[in-house]
Amino acid sequence: MSEPDSPPELVIVVTVHDVQDHGGTLEYGLQSSKGQLDAGTPTGDGGIRYECRARARSRPDGTLTCRGEFLHGPTSGRFLYISFRAPGGAQWVRRTKIMLPDSISGDARRLSARVLDVGRSRVLFEQDWLAEPDAQSA
């Protein structure tokens, strides 16, 4: 539970489908700011579910901005990276961005989306970001 003056926590959940991993020859995952990969959790429909937490901060217009271990980019253009490399390797073979919404409702505590990896620098959204006030929503 957060302190009254501490920024609220935002849970970010993204499910990635059709991962382009060169026939299983690459390891991949949600990339942290330190370059570590979170492998995610396989879903029953063939996707990979990633979940991370971020600290939200209110903007003057009442929307939220956020920062966290798995968030990259400037405040005005935050994104997640799904990164690919050879098993045990240090060099990225490919990274694809999952852009966060430009504006997040001030009461949001959970963001979720479904995306397709199309083998390019950005994913294709299958279901755009959904902002929910309850972080426990499924």
N, C-alpha and C. Protein backbone atom coordinates (compact mmCIF):
# COMPACT_ATOMS: atom_id res chain seq x y z
N MET A 1 0.85 -1.18 0.00
CA MET A 1 0.00 0.00 0.00
C MET A 1 0.89 1.23 0.00
N SER A 2 0.53 2.24 -0.76
CA SER A 2 1.37 3.42 -0.87
C SER A 2 1.02 4.44 0.21
N GLU A 3 2.01 5.24 0.54
CA GLU A 3 1.82 6.33 1.50
C GLU A 3 0.93 7.39 0.86
N PRO A 4 0.22 8.21 1.67
CA PRO A 4 -0.69 9.20 1.10
C PRO A 4 -0.05 10.14 0.09
N ASP A 5 1.20 10.56 0.30
CA ASP A 5 1.84 11.51 -0.61
C ASP A 5 2.70 10.84 -1.67
N SER A 6 2.82 9.52 -1.64
CA SER A 6 3.66 8.85 -2.62
C SER A 6 2.89 8.69 -3.93
N PRO A 7 3.61 8.64 -5.05
CA PRO A 7 2.93 8.51 -6.33
C PRO A 7 2.22 7.16 -6.42
N PRO A 8 1.07 7.11 -7.08
CA PRO A 8 0.38 5.83 -7.21
C PRO A 8 1.16 4.88 -8.11
N GLU A 9 0.95 3.60 -7.90
CA GLU A 9 1.57 2.59 -8.73
C GLU A 9 0.65 2.27 -9.90
N LEU A 10 1.24 2.08 -11.04
CA LEU A 10 0.50 1.73 -12.25
C LEU A 10 0.98 0.35 -12.70
N VAL A 11 0.07 -0.58 -12.86
CA VAL A 11 0.39 -1.92 -13.36
C VAL A 11 0.20 -1.89 -14.88
N ILE A 12 1.23 -2.32 -15.61
CA ILE A 12 1.18 -2.32 -17.07
C ILE A 12 1.26 -3.77 -17.54
N VAL A 13 0.24 -4.20 -18.28
CA VAL A 13 0.16 -5.58 -18.76
C VAL A 13 0.03 -5.55 -20.28
N VAL A 14 0.90 -6.27 -20.96
CA VAL A 14 0.81 -6.35 -22.41
C VAL A 14 0.98 -7.81 -22.82
N THR A 15 0.12 -8.25 -23.74
CA THR A 15 0.20 -9.60 -24.28
C THR A 15 0.65 -9.49 -25.73
N VAL A 16 1.74 -10.18 -26.04
CA VAL A 16 2.35 -10.13 -27.37
C VAL A 16 2.06 -11.44 -28.10
N HIS A 17 1.55 -11.34 -29.32
CA HIS A 17 1.29 -12.51 -30.16
C HIS A 17 2.20 -12.50 -31.38
N ASP A 18 2.38 -13.68 -31.98
CA ASP A 18 3.16 -13.86 -33.21
C ASP A 18 4.60 -13.36 -33.07
N VAL A 19 5.25 -13.74 -31.99
CA VAL A 19 6.63 -13.29 -31.75
C VAL A 19 7.54 -13.81 -32.86
N GLN A 20 8.26 -12.89 -33.49
CA GLN A 20 9.16 -13.19 -34.60
C GLN A 20 10.56 -13.46 -34.04
N ASP A 21 10.79 -14.71 -33.60
CA ASP A 21 12.06 -15.05 -32.93
C ASP A 21 12.96 -15.94 -33.78
N HIS A 22 12.85 -15.83 -35.08
CA HIS A 22 13.69 -16.58 -36.02
C HIS A 22 13.61 -18.08 -35.75
N GLY A 23 12.40 -18.59 -35.66
CA GLY A 23 12.20 -20.03 -35.48
C GLY A 23 12.66 -20.56 -34.14
N GLY A 24 12.63 -19.75 -33.13
CA GLY A 24 13.01 -20.19 -31.79
C GLY A 24 14.50 -20.12 -31.51
N THR A 25 15.26 -19.48 -32.39
CA THR A 25 16.72 -19.41 -32.19
C THR A 25 17.16 -18.23 -31.33
N LEU A 26 16.22 -17.35 -30.96
CA LEU A 26 16.57 -16.18 -30.16
C LEU A 26 15.88 -16.22 -28.81
N GLU A 27 16.54 -15.64 -27.80
CA GLU A 27 15.84 -15.41 -26.54
C GLU A 27 15.30 -13.99 -26.60
N TYR A 28 14.18 -13.78 -25.94
CA TYR A 28 13.55 -12.47 -26.01
C TYR A 28 12.76 -12.22 -24.74
N GLY A 29 12.41 -10.97 -24.54
CA GLY A 29 11.60 -10.61 -23.39
C GLY A 29 11.46 -9.12 -23.26
N LEU A 30 10.75 -8.73 -22.20
CA LEU A 30 10.57 -7.33 -21.87
C LEU A 30 11.89 -6.82 -21.30
N GLN A 31 12.47 -5.80 -21.92
CA GLN A 31 13.80 -5.32 -21.54
C GLN A 31 13.72 -4.27 -20.44
N SER A 32 14.51 -4.49 -19.39
CA SER A 32 14.61 -3.49 -18.32
C SER A 32 15.61 -2.41 -18.72
N SER A 33 15.64 -1.34 -17.95
CA SER A 33 16.59 -0.26 -18.23
C SER A 33 18.03 -0.71 -18.05
N LYS A 34 18.24 -1.83 -17.35
CA LYS A 34 19.59 -2.37 -17.16
C LYS A 34 19.94 -3.43 -18.20
N GLY A 35 19.04 -3.66 -19.16
CA GLY A 35 19.31 -4.61 -20.23
C GLY A 35 18.93 -6.05 -19.91
N GLN A 36 18.29 -6.28 -18.78
CA GLN A 36 17.85 -7.64 -18.43
C GLN A 36 16.53 -7.93 -19.13
N LEU A 37 16.27 -9.21 -19.40
CA LEU A 37 15.05 -9.61 -20.06
C LEU A 37 14.13 -10.35 -19.11
N ASP A 38 12.86 -9.97 -19.10
CA ASP A 38 11.81 -10.70 -18.39
C ASP A 38 11.14 -11.55 -19.45
N ALA A 39 11.21 -12.87 -19.30
CA ALA A 39 10.70 -13.79 -20.32
C ALA A 39 9.18 -13.79 -20.44
N GLY A 40 8.47 -13.25 -19.47
CA GLY A 40 7.01 -13.22 -19.53
C GLY A 40 6.41 -14.58 -19.22
N THR A 41 5.09 -14.66 -19.38
CA THR A 41 4.34 -15.88 -19.08
C THR A 41 3.53 -16.28 -20.31
N PRO A 42 3.70 -17.52 -20.79
CA PRO A 42 2.89 -17.96 -21.93
C PRO A 42 1.40 -17.94 -21.60
N THR A 43 0.59 -17.58 -22.60
CA THR A 43 -0.86 -17.57 -22.43
C THR A 43 -1.46 -18.77 -23.16
N GLY A 44 -2.68 -19.10 -22.85
CA GLY A 44 -3.35 -20.24 -23.46
C GLY A 44 -3.59 -20.08 -24.95
N ASP A 45 -3.55 -18.85 -25.45
CA ASP A 45 -3.82 -18.62 -26.88
C ASP A 45 -2.55 -18.37 -27.68
N GLY A 46 -1.40 -18.77 -27.14
CA GLY A 46 -0.14 -18.67 -27.87
C GLY A 46 0.62 -17.37 -27.72
N GLY A 47 0.14 -16.47 -26.89
CA GLY A 47 0.83 -15.21 -26.66
C GLY A 47 1.80 -15.30 -25.49
N ILE A 48 2.46 -14.21 -25.23
CA ILE A 48 3.33 -14.06 -24.06
C ILE A 48 2.83 -12.83 -23.31
N ARG A 49 2.57 -13.01 -22.02
CA ARG A 49 2.05 -11.91 -21.19
C ARG A 49 3.19 -11.34 -20.36
N TYR A 50 3.33 -10.03 -20.45
CA TYR A 50 4.34 -9.30 -19.67
C TYR A 50 3.62 -8.36 -18.73
N GLU A 51 4.14 -8.27 -17.52
CA GLU A 51 3.56 -7.35 -16.53
C GLU A 51 4.70 -6.61 -15.85
N CYS A 52 4.55 -5.32 -15.71
CA CYS A 52 5.53 -4.53 -14.97
C CYS A 52 4.80 -3.44 -14.20
N ARG A 53 5.50 -2.83 -13.30
CA ARG A 53 4.92 -1.77 -12.48
C ARG A 53 5.68 -0.48 -12.73
N ALA A 54 4.96 0.61 -12.61
CA ALA A 54 5.56 1.93 -12.81
C ALA A 54 5.02 2.88 -11.76
N ARG A 55 5.77 3.93 -11.50
CA ARG A 55 5.31 4.99 -10.59
C ARG A 55 4.65 6.06 -11.44
N ALA A 56 3.42 6.36 -11.08
CA ALA A 56 2.66 7.37 -11.82
C ALA A 56 2.83 8.73 -11.16
N ARG A 57 2.80 9.76 -11.97
CA ARG A 57 2.87 11.13 -11.46
C ARG A 57 1.86 11.97 -12.22
N SER A 58 1.13 12.78 -11.49
CA SER A 58 0.10 13.62 -12.12
C SER A 58 0.72 14.76 -12.91
N ARG A 59 0.13 15.04 -14.06
CA ARG A 59 0.48 16.20 -14.88
C ARG A 59 -0.49 17.32 -14.52
N PRO A 60 -0.15 18.56 -14.87
CA PRO A 60 -1.05 19.68 -14.58
C PRO A 60 -2.45 19.52 -15.17
N ASP A 61 -2.58 18.78 -16.28
CA ASP A 61 -3.90 18.60 -16.90
C ASP A 61 -4.72 17.47 -16.28
N GLY A 62 -4.18 16.83 -15.22
CA GLY A 62 -4.91 15.76 -14.54
C GLY A 62 -4.61 14.36 -15.06
N THR A 63 -3.89 14.25 -16.18
CA THR A 63 -3.50 12.94 -16.68
C THR A 63 -2.23 12.49 -15.96
N LEU A 64 -1.81 11.26 -16.25
CA LEU A 64 -0.63 10.71 -15.59
C LEU A 64 0.53 10.56 -16.57
N THR A 65 1.72 10.66 -16.04
CA THR A 65 2.92 10.22 -16.72
C THR A 65 3.51 9.16 -15.80
N CYS A 66 4.40 8.33 -16.29
CA CYS A 66 4.93 7.28 -15.43
C CYS A 66 6.38 6.99 -15.77
N ARG A 67 7.04 6.35 -14.81
CA ARG A 67 8.42 5.92 -14.99
C ARG A 67 8.61 4.63 -14.23
N GLY A 68 9.55 3.83 -14.69
CA GLY A 68 9.78 2.56 -14.04
C GLY A 68 10.90 1.79 -14.70
N GLU A 69 11.23 0.65 -14.11
CA GLU A 69 12.36 -0.16 -14.53
C GLU A 69 12.26 -0.62 -15.99
N PHE A 70 11.06 -0.84 -16.49
CA PHE A 70 10.89 -1.36 -17.84
C PHE A 70 10.43 -0.31 -18.85
N LEU A 71 10.31 0.93 -18.41
CA LEU A 71 9.88 2.01 -19.30
C LEU A 71 11.08 2.74 -19.88
N HIS A 72 10.99 3.07 -21.14
CA HIS A 72 12.06 3.74 -21.86
C HIS A 72 11.50 4.99 -22.52
N GLY A 73 12.41 5.88 -22.93
CA GLY A 73 12.02 7.05 -23.69
C GLY A 73 11.71 8.26 -22.84
N PRO A 74 11.50 9.40 -23.53
CA PRO A 74 11.21 10.65 -22.83
C PRO A 74 9.80 10.64 -22.23
N THR A 75 9.55 11.53 -21.31
CA THR A 75 8.25 11.62 -20.65
C THR A 75 7.11 11.71 -21.66
N SER A 76 7.34 12.41 -22.74
CA SER A 76 6.28 12.60 -23.74
C SER A 76 6.14 11.44 -24.72
N GLY A 77 6.94 10.40 -24.57
CA GLY A 77 6.87 9.28 -25.50
C GLY A 77 7.38 7.98 -24.90
N ARG A 78 6.84 7.60 -23.77
CA ARG A 78 7.29 6.38 -23.08
C ARG A 78 6.90 5.13 -23.89
N PHE A 79 7.75 4.10 -23.76
CA PHE A 79 7.48 2.84 -24.44
C PHE A 79 8.14 1.69 -23.70
N LEU A 80 7.71 0.48 -24.05
CA LEU A 80 8.32 -0.76 -23.58
C LEU A 80 9.12 -1.32 -24.75
N TYR A 81 10.18 -2.06 -24.45
CA TYR A 81 10.94 -2.76 -25.49
C TYR A 81 10.75 -4.26 -25.32
N ILE A 82 10.43 -4.95 -26.41
CA ILE A 82 10.60 -6.40 -26.48
C ILE A 82 11.89 -6.56 -27.27
N SER A 83 12.90 -7.16 -26.62
CA SER A 83 14.23 -7.23 -27.22
C SER A 83 14.62 -8.68 -27.48
N PHE A 84 15.41 -8.87 -28.53
CA PHE A 84 15.81 -10.19 -28.99
C PHE A 84 17.34 -10.26 -29.07
N ARG A 85 17.88 -11.42 -28.68
CA ARG A 85 19.33 -11.65 -28.78
C ARG A 85 19.58 -13.15 -28.87
N ALA A 86 20.81 -13.50 -29.28
CA ALA A 86 21.19 -14.91 -29.27
C ALA A 86 21.21 -15.38 -27.82
N PRO A 87 20.89 -16.64 -27.55
CA PRO A 87 20.89 -17.13 -26.17
C PRO A 87 22.22 -16.83 -25.48
N GLY A 88 22.14 -16.15 -24.35
CA GLY A 88 23.32 -15.79 -23.57
C GLY A 88 24.11 -14.63 -24.15
N GLY A 89 23.67 -14.09 -25.27
CA GLY A 89 24.39 -13.02 -25.94
C GLY A 89 24.17 -11.67 -25.28
N ALA A 90 25.05 -10.73 -25.61
CA ALA A 90 24.94 -9.38 -25.07
C ALA A 90 24.42 -8.39 -26.11
N GLN A 91 24.59 -8.72 -27.39
CA GLN A 91 24.16 -7.81 -28.47
C GLN A 91 22.70 -8.07 -28.83
N TRP A 92 21.94 -6.98 -28.98
CA TRP A 92 20.56 -7.11 -29.41
C TRP A 92 20.53 -7.41 -30.90
N VAL A 93 19.76 -8.39 -31.30
CA VAL A 93 19.53 -8.69 -32.71
C VAL A 93 18.43 -7.77 -33.23
N ARG A 94 17.43 -7.53 -32.36
CA ARG A 94 16.30 -6.68 -32.73
C ARG A 94 15.60 -6.21 -31.47
N ARG A 95 15.05 -5.02 -31.55
CA ARG A 95 14.20 -4.51 -30.46
C ARG A 95 12.95 -3.91 -31.11
N THR A 96 11.83 -4.16 -30.49
CA THR A 96 10.58 -3.61 -31.01
C THR A 96 9.90 -2.81 -29.90
N LYS A 97 9.39 -1.65 -30.26
CA LYS A 97 8.77 -0.75 -29.28
C LYS A 97 7.27 -1.01 -29.17
N ILE A 98 6.80 -0.92 -27.93
CA ILE A 98 5.37 -0.90 -27.63
C ILE A 98 5.12 0.45 -27.00
N MET A 99 4.57 1.37 -27.79
CA MET A 99 4.36 2.73 -27.32
C MET A 99 3.24 2.77 -26.28
N LEU A 100 3.49 3.48 -25.18
CA LEU A 100 2.45 3.70 -24.18
C LEU A 100 1.55 4.83 -24.66
N PRO A 101 0.34 4.92 -24.12
CA PRO A 101 -0.55 6.00 -24.57
C PRO A 101 0.02 7.37 -24.25
N ASP A 102 -0.28 8.35 -25.10
CA ASP A 102 0.18 9.73 -24.87
C ASP A 102 -0.45 10.32 -23.62
N SER A 103 -1.68 9.93 -23.36
CA SER A 103 -2.42 10.47 -22.22
C SER A 103 -3.01 9.31 -21.42
N ILE A 104 -2.78 9.29 -20.12
CA ILE A 104 -3.29 8.25 -19.23
C ILE A 104 -4.22 8.91 -18.23
N SER A 105 -5.43 8.41 -18.13
CA SER A 105 -6.42 8.96 -17.20
C SER A 105 -5.85 9.03 -15.78
N GLY A 106 -6.15 10.12 -15.08
CA GLY A 106 -5.62 10.33 -13.74
C GLY A 106 -6.02 9.29 -12.73
N ASP A 107 -7.14 8.57 -12.96
CA ASP A 107 -7.56 7.54 -12.01
C ASP A 107 -7.10 6.14 -12.41
N ALA A 108 -6.36 6.02 -13.49
CA ALA A 108 -5.90 4.71 -13.96
C ALA A 108 -4.89 4.10 -12.99
N ARG A 109 -5.04 2.81 -12.73
CA ARG A 109 -4.08 2.07 -11.92
C ARG A 109 -3.59 0.83 -12.64
N ARG A 110 -4.20 0.58 -13.82
CA ARG A 110 -3.81 -0.58 -14.63
C ARG A 110 -3.99 -0.22 -16.10
N LEU A 111 -2.97 -0.54 -16.90
CA LEU A 111 -3.04 -0.40 -18.36
C LEU A 111 -2.86 -1.78 -18.96
N SER A 112 -3.65 -2.12 -19.95
CA SER A 112 -3.47 -3.41 -20.61
C SER A 112 -3.68 -3.25 -22.11
N ALA A 113 -2.96 -4.07 -22.89
CA ALA A 113 -3.07 -4.05 -24.35
C ALA A 113 -2.68 -5.41 -24.90
N ARG A 114 -3.12 -5.67 -26.14
CA ARG A 114 -2.73 -6.87 -26.89
C ARG A 114 -2.09 -6.38 -28.19
N VAL A 115 -0.91 -6.94 -28.49
CA VAL A 115 -0.18 -6.49 -29.67
C VAL A 115 0.32 -7.67 -30.49
N LEU A 116 0.65 -7.39 -31.75
CA LEU A 116 1.25 -8.36 -32.66
C LEU A 116 2.67 -7.92 -32.97
N ASP A 117 3.61 -8.85 -32.88
CA ASP A 117 4.97 -8.58 -33.31
C ASP A 117 5.01 -8.84 -34.81
N VAL A 118 5.24 -7.80 -35.57
CA VAL A 118 5.26 -7.93 -37.03
C VAL A 118 6.69 -7.90 -37.58
N GLY A 119 7.68 -8.08 -36.70
CA GLY A 119 9.07 -8.14 -37.14
C GLY A 119 9.68 -6.79 -37.47
N ARG A 120 9.07 -5.72 -37.03
CA ARG A 120 9.56 -4.37 -37.31
C ARG A 120 9.91 -3.66 -36.03
N SER A 121 10.19 -2.37 -36.13
CA SER A 121 10.62 -1.60 -34.97
C SER A 121 9.49 -1.26 -34.01
N ARG A 122 8.24 -1.41 -34.45
CA ARG A 122 7.08 -1.18 -33.58
C ARG A 122 6.05 -2.29 -33.80
N VAL A 123 5.34 -2.60 -32.73
CA VAL A 123 4.30 -3.61 -32.81
C VAL A 123 3.05 -3.04 -33.46
N LEU A 124 2.14 -3.92 -33.80
CA LEU A 124 0.82 -3.55 -34.29
C LEU A 124 -0.16 -3.84 -33.16
N PHE A 125 -0.98 -2.87 -32.80
CA PHE A 125 -1.93 -3.06 -31.70
C PHE A 125 -3.13 -3.87 -32.18
N GLU A 126 -3.36 -4.98 -31.50
CA GLU A 126 -4.53 -5.83 -31.73
C GLU A 126 -5.69 -5.28 -30.89
N GLN A 127 -5.37 -4.85 -29.69
CA GLN A 127 -6.31 -4.16 -28.78
C GLN A 127 -5.55 -3.01 -28.17
N ASP A 128 -6.00 -1.79 -28.40
CA ASP A 128 -5.31 -0.60 -27.89
C ASP A 128 -5.31 -0.60 -26.36
N TRP A 129 -4.56 0.30 -25.79
CA TRP A 129 -4.43 0.40 -24.34
C TRP A 129 -5.79 0.64 -23.70
N LEU A 130 -6.06 -0.13 -22.66
CA LEU A 130 -7.26 0.02 -21.85
C LEU A 130 -6.80 0.46 -20.47
N ALA A 131 -7.27 1.61 -20.01
CA ALA A 131 -6.92 2.13 -18.68
C ALA A 131 -8.05 1.80 -17.72
N GLU A 132 -7.68 1.19 -16.59
CA GLU A 132 -8.67 0.81 -15.59
C GLU A 132 -8.29 1.38 -14.24
N PRO A 133 -9.28 1.75 -13.43
CA PRO A 133 -8.98 2.31 -12.10
C PRO A 133 -8.55 1.26 -11.09
N ASP A 134 -8.79 -0.03 -11.38
CA ASP A 134 -8.49 -1.10 -10.43
C ASP A 134 -7.34 -1.94 -10.94
N ALA A 135 -6.21 -1.95 -10.23
CA ALA A 135 -5.03 -2.71 -10.65
C ALA A 135 -5.28 -4.21 -10.59
N GLN A 136 -6.32 -4.67 -9.93
CA GLN A 136 -6.59 -6.11 -9.79
C GLN A 136 -7.41 -6.68 -10.93
N SER A 137 -7.87 -5.87 -11.86
CA SER A 137 -8.70 -6.35 -12.97
C SER A 137 -7.96 -7.38 -13.79
N ALA A 138 -8.68 -8.29 -14.36
CA ALA A 138 -8.05 -9.35 -15.16
C ALA A 138 -8.01 -9.01 -16.63
